[in-house]
Amino acid sequence: MAHGYTHPVPFRYDNKRAFAGKYLAFIVIPFCVPFIAAGYQLYKSGASSTA
């Protein structure tokens, strides 16, 4: 009872450029969110003096 070939990863990466873009977006966006939120909170409170 053969099941056939199973891929070792749960996604396809035939198009390497598309995979790289999606991977970077998946990694970079969640990393940047806390910094953007902290900057926004500082901006709202007037604590950041950029001028």
PDB file of N, CA and C in Angstrom:
ATOM      1  N   MET A   1       0.836  -1.169   0.000  1.00  0.00           N
ATOM      2  CA  MET A   1       0.000   0.000   0.000  1.00  0.00           C
ATOM      3  C   MET A   1       0.895   1.253   0.000  1.00  0.00           C
ATOM      4  N   ALA A   2       1.292   1.689  -1.153  1.00  0.00           N
ATOM      5  CA  ALA A   2       2.185   2.836  -1.280  1.00  0.00           C
ATOM      6  C   ALA A   2       1.377   4.130  -1.287  1.00  0.00           C
ATOM      7  N   HIS A   3       1.883   5.101  -0.598  1.00  0.00           N
ATOM      8  CA  HIS A   3       1.209   6.388  -0.510  1.00  0.00           C
ATOM      9  C   HIS A   3       1.747   7.386  -1.518  1.00  0.00           C
ATOM     10  N   GLY A   4       2.806   7.074  -2.191  1.00  0.00           N
ATOM     11  CA  GLY A   4       3.389   8.003  -3.148  1.00  0.00           C
ATOM     12  C   GLY A   4       4.387   8.921  -2.474  1.00  0.00           C
ATOM     13  N   TYR A   5       4.913   9.849  -3.244  1.00  0.00           N
ATOM     14  CA  TYR A   5       5.931  10.756  -2.731  1.00  0.00           C
ATOM     15  C   TYR A   5       5.287  11.825  -1.854  1.00  0.00           C
ATOM     16  N   THR A   6       5.825  12.035  -0.684  1.00  0.00           N
ATOM     17  CA  THR A   6       5.372  13.118   0.180  1.00  0.00           C
ATOM     18  C   THR A   6       6.488  14.152   0.284  1.00  0.00           C
ATOM     19  N   HIS A   7       6.110  15.399   0.248  1.00  0.00           N
ATOM     20  CA  HIS A   7       7.098  16.472   0.319  1.00  0.00           C
ATOM     21  C   HIS A   7       7.537  16.663   1.769  1.00  0.00           C
ATOM     22  N   PRO A   8       8.793  16.974   1.996  1.00  0.00           N
ATOM     23  CA  PRO A   8       9.268  17.147   3.363  1.00  0.00           C
ATOM     24  C   PRO A   8       8.816  18.459   4.013  1.00  0.00           C
ATOM     25  N   VAL A   9       8.282  19.394   3.236  1.00  0.00           N
ATOM     26  CA  VAL A   9       7.795  20.658   3.771  1.00  0.00           C
ATOM     27  C   VAL A   9       6.336  20.833   3.365  1.00  0.00           C
ATOM     28  N   PRO A  10       5.537  21.524   4.172  1.00  0.00           N
ATOM     29  CA  PRO A  10       4.102  21.652   3.880  1.00  0.00           C
ATOM     30  C   PRO A  10       3.754  22.759   2.888  1.00  0.00           C
ATOM     31  N   PHE A  11       4.709  23.226   2.101  1.00  0.00           N
ATOM     32  CA  PHE A  11       4.450  24.266   1.118  1.00  0.00           C
ATOM     33  C   PHE A  11       5.303  24.016  -0.107  1.00  0.00           C
ATOM     34  N   ARG A  12       4.978  24.732  -1.179  1.00  0.00           N
ATOM     35  CA  ARG A  12       5.726  24.566  -2.425  1.00  0.00           C
ATOM     36  C   ARG A  12       6.593  25.792  -2.654  1.00  0.00           C
ATOM     37  N   TYR A  13       7.769  25.581  -3.164  1.00  0.00           N
ATOM     38  CA  TYR A  13       8.650  26.704  -3.479  1.00  0.00           C
ATOM     39  C   TYR A  13       9.262  26.511  -4.863  1.00  0.00           C
ATOM     40  N   ASP A  14       8.379  26.265  -5.825  1.00  0.00           N
ATOM     41  CA  ASP A  14       8.825  26.127  -7.210  1.00  0.00           C
ATOM     42  C   ASP A  14       9.341  27.459  -7.747  1.00  0.00           C
ATOM     43  N   ASN A  15       8.627  28.536  -7.461  1.00  0.00           N
ATOM     44  CA  ASN A  15       9.046  29.867  -7.876  1.00  0.00           C
ATOM     45  C   ASN A  15       9.869  30.467  -6.731  1.00  0.00           C
ATOM     46  N   LYS A  16      11.173  30.494  -6.899  1.00  0.00           N
ATOM     47  CA  LYS A  16      12.062  30.891  -5.804  1.00  0.00           C
ATOM     48  C   LYS A  16      11.904  32.364  -5.431  1.00  0.00           C
ATOM     49  N   ARG A  17      11.642  33.231  -6.421  1.00  0.00           N
ATOM     50  CA  ARG A  17      11.450  34.652  -6.121  1.00  0.00           C
ATOM     51  C   ARG A  17      10.195  34.871  -5.292  1.00  0.00           C
ATOM     52  N   ALA A  18       9.100  34.238  -5.675  1.00  0.00           N
ATOM     53  CA  ALA A  18       7.852  34.378  -4.928  1.00  0.00           C
ATOM     54  C   ALA A  18       8.010  33.818  -3.520  1.00  0.00           C
ATOM     55  N   PHE A  19       8.685  32.685  -3.402  1.00  0.00           N
ATOM     56  CA  PHE A  19       8.916  32.090  -2.088  1.00  0.00           C
ATOM     57  C   PHE A  19       9.752  33.022  -1.215  1.00  0.00           C
ATOM     58  N   ALA A  20      10.793  33.624  -1.773  1.00  0.00           N
ATOM     59  CA  ALA A  20      11.645  34.531  -1.006  1.00  0.00           C
ATOM     60  C   ALA A  20      10.857  35.749  -0.544  1.00  0.00           C
ATOM     61  N   GLY A  21      10.030  36.299  -1.419  1.00  0.00           N
ATOM     62  CA  GLY A  21       9.222  37.452  -1.043  1.00  0.00           C
ATOM     63  C   GLY A  21       8.234  37.133   0.061  1.00  0.00           C
ATOM     64  N   LYS A  22       7.558  36.017  -0.064  1.00  0.00           N
ATOM     65  CA  LYS A  22       6.585  35.622   0.960  1.00  0.00           C
ATOM     66  C   LYS A  22       7.279  35.295   2.274  1.00  0.00           C
ATOM     67  N   TYR A  23       8.432  34.651   2.196  1.00  0.00           N
ATOM     68  CA  TYR A  23       9.173  34.299   3.399  1.00  0.00           C
ATOM     69  C   TYR A  23       9.633  35.561   4.125  1.00  0.00           C
ATOM     70  N   LEU A  24      10.190  36.508   3.379  1.00  0.00           N
ATOM     71  CA  LEU A  24      10.644  37.754   3.991  1.00  0.00           C
ATOM     72  C   LEU A  24       9.484  38.525   4.610  1.00  0.00           C
ATOM     73  N   ALA A  25       8.357  38.582   3.903  1.00  0.00           N
ATOM     74  CA  ALA A  25       7.187  39.261   4.448  1.00  0.00           C
ATOM     75  C   ALA A  25       6.713  38.562   5.725  1.00  0.00           C
ATOM     76  N   PHE A  26       6.746  37.249   5.737  1.00  0.00           N
ATOM     77  CA  PHE A  26       6.303  36.474   6.891  1.00  0.00           C
ATOM     78  C   PHE A  26       7.218  36.684   8.086  1.00  0.00           C
ATOM     79  N   ILE A  27       8.503  36.908   7.844  1.00  0.00           N
ATOM     80  CA  ILE A  27       9.470  37.081   8.923  1.00  0.00           C
ATOM     81  C   ILE A  27       9.590  38.555   9.338  1.00  0.00           C
ATOM     82  N   VAL A  28       9.665  39.470   8.373  1.00  0.00           N
ATOM     83  CA  VAL A  28       9.961  40.873   8.663  1.00  0.00           C
ATOM     84  C   VAL A  28       8.768  41.605   9.267  1.00  0.00           C
ATOM     85  N   ILE A  29       7.578  41.395   8.734  1.00  0.00           N
ATOM     86  CA  ILE A  29       6.412  42.149   9.221  1.00  0.00           C
ATOM     87  C   ILE A  29       6.141  41.883  10.703  1.00  0.00           C
ATOM     88  N   PRO A  30       6.066  40.638  11.155  1.00  0.00           N
ATOM     89  CA  PRO A  30       5.837  40.435  12.596  1.00  0.00           C
ATOM     90  C   PRO A  30       6.975  40.984  13.461  1.00  0.00           C
ATOM     91  N   PHE A  31       8.188  40.996  12.950  1.00  0.00           N
ATOM     92  CA  PHE A  31       9.313  41.528  13.716  1.00  0.00           C
ATOM     93  C   PHE A  31       9.188  43.040  13.892  1.00  0.00           C
ATOM     94  N   CYS A  32       8.698  43.735  12.876  1.00  0.00           N
ATOM     95  CA  CYS A  32       8.629  45.197  12.907  1.00  0.00           C
ATOM     96  C   CYS A  32       7.429  45.738  13.668  1.00  0.00           C
ATOM     97  N   VAL A  33       6.391  44.971  13.819  1.00  0.00           N
ATOM     98  CA  VAL A  33       5.156  45.465  14.434  1.00  0.00           C
ATOM     99  C   VAL A  33       5.384  46.039  15.841  1.00  0.00           C
ATOM    100  N   PRO A  34       6.100  45.384  16.748  1.00  0.00           N
ATOM    101  CA  PRO A  34       6.282  45.975  18.080  1.00  0.00           C
ATOM    102  C   PRO A  34       7.041  47.306  18.048  1.00  0.00           C
ATOM    103  N   PHE A  35       8.008  47.431  17.155  1.00  0.00           N
ATOM    104  CA  PHE A  35       8.758  48.677  17.070  1.00  0.00           C
ATOM    105  C   PHE A  35       7.894  49.809  16.526  1.00  0.00           C
ATOM    106  N   ILE A  36       7.069  49.502  15.550  1.00  0.00           N
ATOM    107  CA  ILE A  36       6.152  50.503  15.001  1.00  0.00           C
ATOM    108  C   ILE A  36       5.136  50.913  16.062  1.00  0.00           C
ATOM    109  N   ALA A  37       4.610  49.942  16.807  1.00  0.00           N
ATOM    110  CA  ALA A  37       3.642  50.244  17.858  1.00  0.00           C
ATOM    111  C   ALA A  37       4.273  51.096  18.958  1.00  0.00           C
ATOM    112  N   ALA A  38       5.480  50.776  19.351  1.00  0.00           N
ATOM    113  CA  ALA A  38       6.161  51.553  20.391  1.00  0.00           C
ATOM    114  C   ALA A  38       6.434  52.977  19.904  1.00  0.00           C
ATOM    115  N   GLY A  39       6.867  53.109  18.670  1.00  0.00           N
ATOM    116  CA  GLY A  39       7.095  54.442  18.111  1.00  0.00           C
ATOM    117  C   GLY A  39       5.820  55.256  18.042  1.00  0.00           C
ATOM    118  N   TYR A  40       4.727  54.613  17.686  1.00  0.00           N
ATOM    119  CA  TYR A  40       3.440  55.304  17.612  1.00  0.00           C
ATOM    120  C   TYR A  40       2.992  55.756  19.004  1.00  0.00           C
ATOM    121  N   GLN A  41       3.169  54.895  19.987  1.00  0.00           N
ATOM    122  CA  GLN A  41       2.791  55.270  21.353  1.00  0.00           C
ATOM    123  C   GLN A  41       3.645  56.425  21.856  1.00  0.00           C
ATOM    124  N   LEU A  42       4.932  56.413  21.557  1.00  0.00           N
ATOM    125  CA  LEU A  42       5.800  57.528  21.952  1.00  0.00           C
ATOM    126  C   LEU A  42       5.393  58.806  21.232  1.00  0.00           C
ATOM    127  N   TYR A  43       5.030  58.683  19.976  1.00  0.00           N
ATOM    128  CA  TYR A  43       4.591  59.843  19.201  1.00  0.00           C
ATOM    129  C   TYR A  43       3.309  60.431  19.791  1.00  0.00           C
ATOM    130  N   LYS A  44       2.367  59.549  20.138  1.00  0.00           N
ATOM    131  CA  LYS A  44       1.102  60.009  20.709  1.00  0.00           C
ATOM    132  C   LYS A  44       1.301  60.725  22.040  1.00  0.00           C
ATOM    133  N   SER A  45       2.218  60.231  22.852  1.00  0.00           N
ATOM    134  CA  SER A  45       2.424  60.824  24.181  1.00  0.00           C
ATOM    135  C   SER A  45       3.287  62.078  24.122  1.00  0.00           C
ATOM    136  N   GLY A  46       3.913  62.317  23.002  1.00  0.00           N
ATOM    137  CA  GLY A  46       4.775  63.487  22.867  1.00  0.00           C
ATOM    138  C   GLY A  46       6.156  63.256  23.452  1.00  0.00           C
ATOM    139  N   ALA A  47       6.478  62.051  23.780  1.00  0.00           N
ATOM    140  CA  ALA A  47       7.782  61.726  24.397  1.00  0.00           C
ATOM    141  C   ALA A  47       8.906  61.761  23.383  1.00  0.00           C
ATOM    142  N   SER A  48       8.610  61.483  22.139  1.00  0.00           N
ATOM    143  CA  SER A  48       9.683  61.481  21.138  1.00  0.00           C
ATOM    144  C   SER A  48       9.814  62.886  20.561  1.00  0.00           C
ATOM    145  N   SER A  49      10.994  63.440  20.670  1.00  0.00           N
ATOM    146  CA  SER A  49      11.216  64.778  20.131  1.00  0.00           C
ATOM    147  C   SER A  49      12.042  64.640  18.852  1.00  0.00           C
ATOM    148  N   THR A  50      11.364  64.489  17.728  1.00  0.00           N
ATOM    149  CA  THR A  50      12.060  64.336  16.459  1.00  0.00           C
ATOM    150  C   THR A  50      12.308  65.686  15.793  1.00  0.00           C
ATOM    151  N   ALA A  51      11.702  66.735  16.299  1.00  0.00           N
ATOM    152  CA  ALA A  51      11.868  68.053  15.668  1.00  0.00           C
ATOM    153  C   ALA A  51      12.854  68.912  16.409  1.00  0.00           C
TER     154      ALA A  51
END
